[in-house]
Amino acid sequence: MSQFIPKGLMDMAVRFHGHLGAFMVLGLKAGLLADEVLGRDNFGTKAIVETKPFLPFTCFVDGVQVATGCTMGKGNIELKKGDNLSVIFTRGCKSLKLSLKSEVLEDLRKVSSMAESEKVAIALVNRPTRELFDIEG
């Protein structure tokens, strides 16, 4: 459950999002775990992301979109205002909830530049998903 991010997928996510950032990487890792647990289904999977409705928190959504195929256009991803960062994935009667660990969020709040965010993003790529999120489902 380390959620290795294939280079091709990472490249696609960076092109889609516009840069390599920590929250986008977290979205990729969450989405890849959802694909692994629920099975990938671009139309049958739904994602509800709950977070602060501003940058860089919302960058998480782009990672989820690239990893899962859930998109705003298809209406199978939704953004809700919240204080932390969590996502609930559903497919059929199965669900998976990931909540960013508070210590990870606190570390990310200390990031003060795009260059620093890129360094943190690279470090996050190699961390196991279970070290980053509380996982239910």
N, C-alpha and C. Protein backbone atom coordinates (compact mmCIF):
# COMPACT_ATOMS: atom_id res chain seq x y z
N MET A 1 0.82 -1.20 0.00
CA MET A 1 0.00 0.00 0.00
C MET A 1 0.87 1.27 0.00
N SER A 2 2.00 1.24 -0.65
CA SER A 2 2.86 2.42 -0.67
C SER A 2 2.40 3.44 -1.71
N GLN A 3 1.57 3.02 -2.64
CA GLN A 3 1.06 3.86 -3.72
C GLN A 3 2.18 4.50 -4.52
N PHE A 4 3.00 3.66 -5.10
CA PHE A 4 4.03 4.11 -6.03
C PHE A 4 3.35 4.88 -7.16
N ILE A 5 3.90 6.02 -7.51
CA ILE A 5 3.34 6.84 -8.59
C ILE A 5 4.19 6.63 -9.84
N PRO A 6 3.64 5.99 -10.86
CA PRO A 6 4.40 5.79 -12.11
C PRO A 6 4.82 7.13 -12.71
N LYS A 7 6.03 7.16 -13.29
CA LYS A 7 6.56 8.40 -13.86
C LYS A 7 5.61 9.01 -14.89
N GLY A 8 5.03 8.19 -15.74
CA GLY A 8 4.11 8.71 -16.76
C GLY A 8 2.91 9.40 -16.15
N LEU A 9 2.39 8.83 -15.07
CA LEU A 9 1.24 9.44 -14.39
C LEU A 9 1.66 10.74 -13.71
N MET A 10 2.83 10.74 -13.10
CA MET A 10 3.33 11.96 -12.47
C MET A 10 3.51 13.07 -13.51
N ASP A 11 4.10 12.71 -14.64
CA ASP A 11 4.30 13.70 -15.71
C ASP A 11 2.96 14.26 -16.18
N MET A 12 1.97 13.38 -16.35
CA MET A 12 0.65 13.82 -16.79
C MET A 12 0.03 14.75 -15.75
N ALA A 13 0.18 14.42 -14.48
CA ALA A 13 -0.40 15.23 -13.41
C ALA A 13 0.26 16.61 -13.36
N VAL A 14 1.57 16.66 -13.53
CA VAL A 14 2.28 17.94 -13.52
C VAL A 14 1.83 18.79 -14.70
N ARG A 15 1.67 18.17 -15.88
CA ARG A 15 1.19 18.92 -17.05
C ARG A 15 -0.23 19.44 -16.80
N PHE A 16 -1.09 18.60 -16.26
CA PHE A 16 -2.47 18.97 -16.00
C PHE A 16 -2.56 20.09 -14.96
N HIS A 17 -1.81 19.92 -13.89
CA HIS A 17 -1.89 20.86 -12.76
C HIS A 17 -1.07 22.13 -13.00
N GLY A 18 0.02 22.02 -13.73
CA GLY A 18 0.86 23.18 -14.03
C GLY A 18 2.17 23.22 -13.29
N HIS A 19 2.31 22.42 -12.24
CA HIS A 19 3.58 22.34 -11.51
C HIS A 19 3.53 21.15 -10.56
N LEU A 20 4.68 20.80 -10.02
CA LEU A 20 4.77 19.73 -9.04
C LEU A 20 4.57 20.34 -7.66
N GLY A 21 3.48 19.97 -6.99
CA GLY A 21 3.20 20.51 -5.67
C GLY A 21 2.79 19.42 -4.71
N ALA A 22 2.96 19.70 -3.43
CA ALA A 22 2.72 18.71 -2.39
C ALA A 22 1.26 18.25 -2.35
N PHE A 23 0.32 19.16 -2.42
CA PHE A 23 -1.08 18.76 -2.32
C PHE A 23 -1.53 17.96 -3.54
N MET A 24 -1.01 18.29 -4.72
CA MET A 24 -1.33 17.52 -5.91
C MET A 24 -0.82 16.09 -5.76
N VAL A 25 0.39 15.92 -5.23
CA VAL A 25 0.95 14.58 -5.01
C VAL A 25 0.09 13.80 -4.01
N LEU A 26 -0.36 14.45 -2.97
CA LEU A 26 -1.25 13.78 -2.01
C LEU A 26 -2.53 13.31 -2.68
N GLY A 27 -3.07 14.13 -3.57
CA GLY A 27 -4.27 13.72 -4.32
C GLY A 27 -4.01 12.53 -5.21
N LEU A 28 -2.84 12.50 -5.84
CA LEU A 28 -2.46 11.34 -6.66
C LEU A 28 -2.40 10.08 -5.80
N LYS A 29 -1.73 10.17 -4.67
CA LYS A 29 -1.57 9.00 -3.80
C LYS A 29 -2.92 8.51 -3.29
N ALA A 30 -3.79 9.43 -2.91
CA ALA A 30 -5.12 9.05 -2.44
C ALA A 30 -5.91 8.38 -3.56
N GLY A 31 -5.86 8.96 -4.74
CA GLY A 31 -6.57 8.39 -5.88
C GLY A 31 -6.05 7.03 -6.29
N LEU A 32 -4.75 6.84 -6.25
CA LEU A 32 -4.18 5.53 -6.59
C LEU A 32 -4.61 4.47 -5.58
N LEU A 33 -4.69 4.84 -4.32
CA LEU A 33 -5.16 3.88 -3.32
C LEU A 33 -6.63 3.54 -3.59
N ALA A 34 -7.43 4.52 -3.93
CA ALA A 34 -8.83 4.26 -4.25
C ALA A 34 -8.94 3.31 -5.44
N ASP A 35 -8.12 3.54 -6.47
CA ASP A 35 -8.12 2.64 -7.63
C ASP A 35 -7.77 1.21 -7.22
N GLU A 36 -6.80 1.08 -6.32
CA GLU A 36 -6.35 -0.24 -5.86
C GLU A 36 -7.45 -0.94 -5.04
N VAL A 37 -8.07 -0.21 -4.14
CA VAL A 37 -9.06 -0.80 -3.23
C VAL A 37 -10.42 -1.01 -3.90
N LEU A 38 -10.88 -0.01 -4.66
CA LEU A 38 -12.22 -0.06 -5.23
C LEU A 38 -12.24 -0.54 -6.68
N GLY A 39 -11.09 -0.52 -7.34
CA GLY A 39 -11.03 -0.81 -8.77
C GLY A 39 -11.23 0.48 -9.55
N ARG A 40 -10.47 0.65 -10.60
CA ARG A 40 -10.57 1.90 -11.38
C ARG A 40 -11.81 1.86 -12.25
N ASP A 41 -12.58 2.93 -12.19
CA ASP A 41 -13.79 3.07 -12.99
C ASP A 41 -14.03 4.56 -13.18
N ASN A 42 -13.64 5.08 -14.34
CA ASN A 42 -13.72 6.53 -14.60
C ASN A 42 -15.12 7.11 -14.41
N PHE A 43 -16.14 6.28 -14.60
CA PHE A 43 -17.51 6.77 -14.50
C PHE A 43 -18.20 6.31 -13.22
N GLY A 44 -17.87 5.12 -12.73
CA GLY A 44 -18.55 4.56 -11.56
C GLY A 44 -18.00 5.01 -10.23
N THR A 45 -16.77 5.51 -10.22
CA THR A 45 -16.18 5.99 -8.97
C THR A 45 -16.61 7.43 -8.74
N LYS A 46 -16.93 7.74 -7.50
CA LYS A 46 -17.25 9.12 -7.11
C LYS A 46 -16.29 9.53 -6.00
N ALA A 47 -15.95 10.81 -5.97
CA ALA A 47 -15.05 11.33 -4.95
C ALA A 47 -15.64 12.61 -4.36
N ILE A 48 -15.62 12.69 -3.04
CA ILE A 48 -16.03 13.91 -2.35
C ILE A 48 -14.82 14.37 -1.54
N VAL A 49 -14.26 15.50 -1.94
CA VAL A 49 -13.09 16.07 -1.27
C VAL A 49 -13.58 17.16 -0.33
N GLU A 50 -13.13 17.09 0.91
CA GLU A 50 -13.49 18.11 1.89
C GLU A 50 -12.20 18.79 2.35
N THR A 51 -12.12 20.11 2.14
CA THR A 51 -10.93 20.86 2.52
C THR A 51 -11.22 22.35 2.52
N LYS A 52 -10.23 23.12 2.84
CA LYS A 52 -10.35 24.57 2.74
C LYS A 52 -10.49 24.91 1.24
N PRO A 53 -11.39 25.84 0.91
CA PRO A 53 -11.67 26.11 -0.50
C PRO A 53 -10.72 27.11 -1.15
N PHE A 54 -9.42 26.96 -0.89
CA PHE A 54 -8.45 27.86 -1.52
C PHE A 54 -7.11 27.13 -1.66
N LEU A 55 -6.23 27.74 -2.47
CA LEU A 55 -4.90 27.18 -2.71
C LEU A 55 -4.09 27.19 -1.43
N PRO A 56 -3.20 26.27 -1.23
CA PRO A 56 -2.86 25.12 -2.06
C PRO A 56 -3.71 23.89 -1.79
N PHE A 57 -4.66 23.98 -0.83
CA PHE A 57 -5.47 22.81 -0.45
C PHE A 57 -6.23 22.22 -1.63
N THR A 58 -6.81 23.07 -2.46
CA THR A 58 -7.62 22.59 -3.57
C THR A 58 -6.79 21.91 -4.66
N CYS A 59 -5.49 22.06 -4.63
CA CYS A 59 -4.62 21.37 -5.58
C CYS A 59 -4.75 19.86 -5.45
N PHE A 60 -5.16 19.40 -4.27
CA PHE A 60 -5.41 17.99 -4.01
C PHE A 60 -6.40 17.42 -5.03
N VAL A 61 -7.40 18.22 -5.39
CA VAL A 61 -8.44 17.78 -6.32
C VAL A 61 -7.84 17.39 -7.67
N ASP A 62 -6.85 18.15 -8.15
CA ASP A 62 -6.24 17.82 -9.44
C ASP A 62 -5.56 16.46 -9.41
N GLY A 63 -4.88 16.16 -8.31
CA GLY A 63 -4.25 14.85 -8.19
C GLY A 63 -5.27 13.73 -8.20
N VAL A 64 -6.38 13.93 -7.49
CA VAL A 64 -7.46 12.92 -7.46
C VAL A 64 -8.03 12.72 -8.86
N GLN A 65 -8.25 13.82 -9.58
CA GLN A 65 -8.81 13.72 -10.93
C GLN A 65 -7.90 12.91 -11.85
N VAL A 66 -6.61 13.20 -11.82
CA VAL A 66 -5.67 12.51 -12.70
C VAL A 66 -5.58 11.03 -12.34
N ALA A 67 -5.53 10.72 -11.05
CA ALA A 67 -5.35 9.33 -10.63
C ALA A 67 -6.59 8.47 -10.86
N THR A 68 -7.78 9.04 -10.65
CA THR A 68 -9.00 8.22 -10.67
C THR A 68 -9.84 8.36 -11.92
N GLY A 69 -9.69 9.44 -12.65
CA GLY A 69 -10.58 9.69 -13.78
C GLY A 69 -11.87 10.37 -13.37
N CYS A 70 -12.06 10.61 -12.06
CA CYS A 70 -13.20 11.42 -11.61
C CYS A 70 -12.92 12.85 -12.06
N THR A 71 -13.93 13.50 -12.63
CA THR A 71 -13.71 14.88 -13.08
C THR A 71 -14.89 15.77 -12.73
N MET A 72 -14.60 17.04 -12.67
CA MET A 72 -15.66 18.03 -12.44
C MET A 72 -16.65 17.98 -13.61
N GLY A 73 -16.14 17.80 -14.81
CA GLY A 73 -16.99 17.77 -16.00
C GLY A 73 -17.99 16.63 -15.99
N LYS A 74 -17.58 15.46 -15.51
CA LYS A 74 -18.49 14.32 -15.42
C LYS A 74 -19.36 14.40 -14.18
N GLY A 75 -19.00 15.29 -13.26
CA GLY A 75 -19.80 15.46 -12.06
C GLY A 75 -19.60 14.36 -11.03
N ASN A 76 -18.50 13.59 -11.16
CA ASN A 76 -18.29 12.53 -10.18
C ASN A 76 -17.16 12.85 -9.20
N ILE A 77 -16.87 14.15 -9.09
CA ILE A 77 -16.02 14.64 -8.01
C ILE A 77 -16.67 15.92 -7.49
N GLU A 78 -16.62 16.06 -6.19
CA GLU A 78 -17.26 17.20 -5.54
C GLU A 78 -16.29 17.78 -4.52
N LEU A 79 -16.32 19.09 -4.38
CA LEU A 79 -15.48 19.78 -3.40
C LEU A 79 -16.38 20.41 -2.35
N LYS A 80 -16.14 20.06 -1.08
CA LYS A 80 -16.90 20.62 0.03
C LYS A 80 -15.95 21.37 0.95
N LYS A 81 -16.44 22.44 1.52
CA LYS A 81 -15.63 23.25 2.44
C LYS A 81 -15.44 22.49 3.75
N GLY A 82 -14.20 22.44 4.23
CA GLY A 82 -13.88 21.80 5.48
C GLY A 82 -12.61 22.38 6.07
N ASP A 83 -12.26 21.96 7.26
CA ASP A 83 -11.08 22.50 7.93
C ASP A 83 -9.83 21.67 7.71
N ASN A 84 -9.96 20.38 7.52
CA ASN A 84 -8.81 19.51 7.33
C ASN A 84 -8.74 19.17 5.84
N LEU A 85 -8.34 17.99 5.52
CA LEU A 85 -8.32 17.52 4.14
C LEU A 85 -8.69 16.05 4.18
N SER A 86 -9.82 15.72 3.58
CA SER A 86 -10.24 14.33 3.51
C SER A 86 -10.93 14.09 2.18
N VAL A 87 -11.03 12.82 1.83
CA VAL A 87 -11.73 12.43 0.61
C VAL A 87 -12.43 11.11 0.86
N ILE A 88 -13.66 11.04 0.38
CA ILE A 88 -14.41 9.79 0.42
C ILE A 88 -14.61 9.35 -1.02
N PHE A 89 -14.14 8.15 -1.33
CA PHE A 89 -14.34 7.54 -2.64
C PHE A 89 -15.42 6.48 -2.50
N THR A 90 -16.34 6.43 -3.46
CA THR A 90 -17.32 5.35 -3.48
C THR A 90 -17.38 4.76 -4.88
N ARG A 91 -17.63 3.47 -4.90
CA ARG A 91 -17.88 2.76 -6.16
C ARG A 91 -18.82 1.63 -5.83
N GLY A 92 -20.03 1.72 -6.35
CA GLY A 92 -21.05 0.74 -5.99
C GLY A 92 -21.33 0.85 -4.50
N CYS A 93 -21.30 -0.28 -3.80
CA CYS A 93 -21.57 -0.27 -2.37
C CYS A 93 -20.30 -0.20 -1.53
N LYS A 94 -19.14 -0.05 -2.18
CA LYS A 94 -17.87 0.04 -1.45
C LYS A 94 -17.46 1.50 -1.29
N SER A 95 -16.79 1.78 -0.17
CA SER A 95 -16.29 3.14 0.04
C SER A 95 -14.94 3.11 0.74
N LEU A 96 -14.22 4.19 0.60
CA LEU A 96 -12.90 4.36 1.18
C LEU A 96 -12.77 5.83 1.59
N LYS A 97 -12.39 6.06 2.85
CA LYS A 97 -12.19 7.44 3.31
C LYS A 97 -10.73 7.61 3.72
N LEU A 98 -10.13 8.67 3.24
CA LEU A 98 -8.76 9.03 3.61
C LEU A 98 -8.80 10.42 4.22
N SER A 99 -8.20 10.57 5.39
CA SER A 99 -8.10 11.86 6.06
C SER A 99 -6.62 12.15 6.29
N LEU A 100 -6.17 13.31 5.82
CA LEU A 100 -4.78 13.67 5.99
C LEU A 100 -4.44 13.74 7.47
N LYS A 101 -3.37 13.09 7.86
CA LYS A 101 -2.95 13.10 9.27
C LYS A 101 -2.62 14.54 9.67
N SER A 102 -3.00 14.90 10.88
CA SER A 102 -2.84 16.29 11.34
C SER A 102 -1.38 16.72 11.33
N GLU A 103 -0.45 15.81 11.65
CA GLU A 103 0.96 16.20 11.65
C GLU A 103 1.47 16.48 10.23
N VAL A 104 0.92 15.79 9.24
CA VAL A 104 1.30 16.05 7.84
C VAL A 104 0.78 17.43 7.44
N LEU A 105 -0.46 17.71 7.79
CA LEU A 105 -1.04 19.01 7.47
C LEU A 105 -0.25 20.13 8.13
N GLU A 106 0.14 19.95 9.37
CA GLU A 106 0.92 20.98 10.07
C GLU A 106 2.26 21.22 9.36
N ASP A 107 2.92 20.15 8.93
CA ASP A 107 4.17 20.31 8.18
C ASP A 107 3.95 21.06 6.87
N LEU A 108 2.84 20.78 6.20
CA LEU A 108 2.55 21.44 4.92
C LEU A 108 2.23 22.92 5.11
N ARG A 109 1.68 23.27 6.24
CA ARG A 109 1.37 24.69 6.50
C ARG A 109 2.62 25.53 6.65
N LYS A 110 3.75 24.89 6.91
CA LYS A 110 5.02 25.60 7.07
C LYS A 110 5.69 25.89 5.72
N VAL A 111 5.21 25.28 4.65
CA VAL A 111 5.79 25.48 3.32
C VAL A 111 5.43 26.88 2.85
N SER A 112 6.46 27.65 2.46
CA SER A 112 6.22 29.06 2.16
C SER A 112 6.53 29.48 0.73
N SER A 113 6.98 28.54 -0.12
CA SER A 113 7.29 28.93 -1.49
C SER A 113 7.01 27.76 -2.44
N MET A 114 6.89 28.08 -3.71
CA MET A 114 6.67 27.06 -4.74
C MET A 114 7.86 26.11 -4.78
N ALA A 115 9.08 26.62 -4.66
CA ALA A 115 10.27 25.77 -4.69
C ALA A 115 10.28 24.81 -3.51
N GLU A 116 9.90 25.30 -2.35
CA GLU A 116 9.84 24.44 -1.16
C GLU A 116 8.74 23.39 -1.31
N SER A 117 7.62 23.78 -1.91
CA SER A 117 6.52 22.84 -2.13
C SER A 117 6.95 21.70 -3.06
N GLU A 118 7.76 22.03 -4.05
CA GLU A 118 8.25 21.00 -4.97
C GLU A 118 9.15 20.00 -4.23
N LYS A 119 10.01 20.49 -3.36
CA LYS A 119 10.87 19.60 -2.57
C LYS A 119 10.05 18.69 -1.67
N VAL A 120 9.04 19.27 -1.03
CA VAL A 120 8.17 18.49 -0.16
C VAL A 120 7.40 17.46 -0.99
N ALA A 121 6.94 17.85 -2.17
CA ALA A 121 6.21 16.94 -3.05
C ALA A 121 7.06 15.72 -3.40
N ILE A 122 8.33 15.95 -3.73
CA ILE A 122 9.23 14.84 -4.08
C ILE A 122 9.39 13.91 -2.89
N ALA A 123 9.49 14.46 -1.69
CA ALA A 123 9.61 13.63 -0.49
C ALA A 123 8.33 12.84 -0.26
N LEU A 124 7.17 13.45 -0.51
CA LEU A 124 5.89 12.76 -0.30
C LEU A 124 5.69 11.59 -1.25
N VAL A 125 6.23 11.71 -2.46
CA VAL A 125 6.10 10.63 -3.44
C VAL A 125 6.60 9.32 -2.86
N ASN A 126 7.65 9.38 -2.08
CA ASN A 126 8.28 8.16 -1.56
C ASN A 126 7.74 7.69 -0.21
N ARG A 127 6.81 8.44 0.38
CA ARG A 127 6.26 8.03 1.68
C ARG A 127 5.05 7.13 1.47
N PRO A 128 4.95 6.09 2.27
CA PRO A 128 3.77 5.21 2.17
C PRO A 128 2.48 5.99 2.47
N THR A 129 1.44 5.67 1.76
CA THR A 129 0.16 6.35 1.91
C THR A 129 -0.34 6.27 3.35
N ARG A 130 -0.15 5.14 4.01
CA ARG A 130 -0.66 4.98 5.39
C ARG A 130 0.08 5.89 6.38
N GLU A 131 1.25 6.40 6.01
CA GLU A 131 1.96 7.37 6.86
C GLU A 131 1.39 8.78 6.70
N LEU A 132 0.66 9.00 5.62
CA LEU A 132 0.15 10.33 5.30
C LEU A 132 -1.33 10.51 5.66
N PHE A 133 -2.08 9.42 5.57
CA PHE A 133 -3.53 9.48 5.76
C PHE A 133 -3.99 8.48 6.81
N ASP A 134 -5.05 8.84 7.51
CA ASP A 134 -5.82 7.86 8.28
C ASP A 134 -6.78 7.25 7.27
N ILE A 135 -6.85 5.92 7.23
CA ILE A 135 -7.60 5.22 6.18
C ILE A 135 -8.73 4.40 6.81
N GLU A 136 -9.94 4.59 6.28
CA GLU A 136 -11.10 3.82 6.72
C GLU A 136 -11.77 3.20 5.49
N GLY A 137 -12.10 1.93 5.62
CA GLY A 137 -12.86 1.30 4.53
C GLY A 137 -12.20 0.12 3.94
